[in-house]
N, C-alpha and C. Protein backbone atom coordinates (compact mmCIF):
# COMPACT_ATOMS: atom_id res chain seq x y z
N MET A 1 0.92 -1.33 -0.03
CA MET A 1 -0.06 0.06 -0.16
C MET A 1 0.92 1.20 0.00
N ASP A 2 2.13 1.08 0.35
CA ASP A 2 2.98 2.38 0.46
C ASP A 2 3.24 2.94 -0.94
N ALA A 3 2.89 2.08 -2.09
CA ALA A 3 3.29 2.68 -3.39
C ALA A 3 2.06 3.70 -3.91
N TYR A 4 0.90 3.45 -3.13
CA TYR A 4 -0.32 4.47 -3.55
C TYR A 4 -0.04 5.89 -3.40
N THR A 5 -0.30 6.74 -4.20
CA THR A 5 -0.10 8.07 -4.04
C THR A 5 -1.21 8.91 -3.09
N PRO A 6 -0.74 10.00 -2.68
CA PRO A 6 -1.69 10.61 -1.70
C PRO A 6 -3.25 10.77 -2.27
N GLU A 7 -3.31 10.89 -3.52
CA GLU A 7 -4.70 10.89 -3.89
C GLU A 7 -5.52 9.63 -3.70
N HIS A 8 -4.81 8.52 -3.24
CA HIS A 8 -5.72 7.29 -3.07
C HIS A 8 -5.77 7.02 -1.55
N ALA A 9 -5.55 8.12 -0.50
CA ALA A 9 -5.63 7.94 0.68
C ALA A 9 -6.77 7.36 1.47
N CYS A 10 -8.08 7.68 0.86
CA CYS A 10 -9.12 7.13 1.32
C CYS A 10 -9.24 5.44 1.08
N GLU A 11 -8.81 5.18 -0.05
CA GLU A 11 -8.91 3.55 -0.49
C GLU A 11 -7.78 3.10 0.53
N VAL A 12 -6.63 3.61 0.83
CA VAL A 12 -5.66 3.02 1.43
C VAL A 12 -6.12 2.85 2.93
N ALA A 13 -6.70 3.82 3.53
CA ALA A 13 -7.49 3.90 4.94
C ALA A 13 -8.41 2.68 4.93
N LEU A 14 -9.34 2.54 3.96
CA LEU A 14 -10.35 1.55 3.91
C LEU A 14 -9.45 0.27 3.95
N TYR A 15 -8.48 -0.13 3.15
CA TYR A 15 -7.97 -1.29 2.88
C TYR A 15 -7.34 -1.62 4.47
N ARG A 16 -6.81 -0.64 5.32
CA ARG A 16 -6.25 -0.88 6.38
C ARG A 16 -7.23 -1.22 7.31
N THR A 17 -8.51 -0.60 7.25
CA THR A 17 -9.60 -1.31 8.32
C THR A 17 -9.80 -2.71 8.06
N TRP A 18 -9.88 -2.85 6.70
CA TRP A 18 -10.12 -4.39 6.39
C TRP A 18 -9.05 -5.29 7.19
N ILE A 19 -7.77 -4.81 7.12
CA ILE A 19 -6.71 -5.48 7.59
C ILE A 19 -7.05 -5.72 9.16
N ALA A 20 -7.36 -4.68 9.71
CA ALA A 20 -7.66 -4.68 11.32
C ALA A 20 -8.80 -5.39 11.47
N GLU A 21 -9.80 -5.50 10.67
CA GLU A 21 -10.91 -6.58 11.01
C GLU A 21 -10.34 -7.95 10.90
N VAL A 22 -9.65 -8.34 10.07
CA VAL A 22 -8.76 -9.90 9.92
C VAL A 22 -7.95 -9.92 11.30
N TYR A 23 -7.29 -9.07 11.68
CA TYR A 23 -6.58 -9.23 12.84
C TYR A 23 -7.49 -9.44 14.06
N ALA A 24 -8.25 -8.52 14.08
CA ALA A 24 -9.51 -8.66 15.30
C ALA A 24 -10.14 -10.07 15.30
N ARG A 25 -10.54 -10.45 14.08
CA ARG A 25 -11.22 -11.71 14.33
C ARG A 25 -10.18 -12.82 14.38
N SER A 26 -8.97 -12.70 14.29
CA SER A 26 -8.26 -13.85 14.77
C SER A 26 -7.57 -13.60 16.08
N GLY A 27 -7.92 -12.62 16.73
CA GLY A 27 -7.76 -12.36 18.02
C GLY A 27 -6.37 -11.53 18.29
N GLU A 28 -5.77 -11.04 17.23
CA GLU A 28 -4.68 -10.11 17.08
C GLU A 28 -4.86 -8.73 17.48
N LEU A 29 -5.47 -8.38 18.71
CA LEU A 29 -5.89 -7.18 18.98
C LEU A 29 -4.97 -6.16 19.03
N ASP A 30 -3.70 -6.37 19.38
CA ASP A 30 -2.83 -5.16 19.23
C ASP A 30 -2.57 -4.89 17.78
N ALA A 31 -2.39 -5.93 16.97
CA ALA A 31 -2.22 -5.75 15.79
C ALA A 31 -3.45 -4.93 14.98
N ALA A 32 -4.69 -5.23 15.46
CA ALA A 32 -5.76 -4.75 14.93
C ALA A 32 -5.68 -3.09 15.29
N ARG A 33 -5.29 -2.88 16.61
CA ARG A 33 -5.27 -1.47 17.07
C ARG A 33 -4.25 -0.67 16.15
N ALA A 34 -3.25 -1.34 16.06
CA ALA A 34 -2.06 -0.74 15.30
C ALA A 34 -2.69 -0.40 13.67
N ALA A 35 -3.31 -1.28 13.22
CA ALA A 35 -3.74 -1.11 11.66
C ALA A 35 -4.84 -0.04 11.77
N LEU A 36 -5.59 0.07 12.88
CA LEU A 36 -6.79 1.16 12.78
C LEU A 36 -5.97 2.66 13.18
N HIS A 37 -4.99 2.48 13.97
CA HIS A 37 -4.24 3.73 14.24
C HIS A 37 -3.36 4.29 12.90
N THR A 38 -3.04 3.35 12.17
CA THR A 38 -2.39 3.77 10.79
C THR A 38 -3.56 4.17 9.81
N ALA A 39 -4.72 3.64 9.75
CA ALA A 39 -5.55 3.84 8.79
C ALA A 39 -6.30 5.27 9.35
N HIS A 40 -6.21 5.69 10.72
CA HIS A 40 -6.69 6.96 11.05
C HIS A 40 -5.63 8.12 10.58
N LYS A 41 -4.41 7.83 10.62
CA LYS A 41 -3.39 8.86 10.09
C LYS A 41 -3.27 8.91 8.72
N THR A 42 -3.76 7.77 7.90
CA THR A 42 -3.72 7.94 6.43
C THR A 42 -5.08 8.71 5.88
N GLY A 43 -5.96 8.36 6.58
CA GLY A 43 -7.38 8.95 6.03
C GLY A 43 -7.50 10.29 6.63
């Protein structure tokens, strides 16, 4: 996702929320929080 340009910030943030959901469903809550934090900074 680092290759996306700033014009795609919304899409990148959305993808990161999907990653966070996968982490949360698998019980990796710290990783989920980190992905959400990164998504918030991106979007």
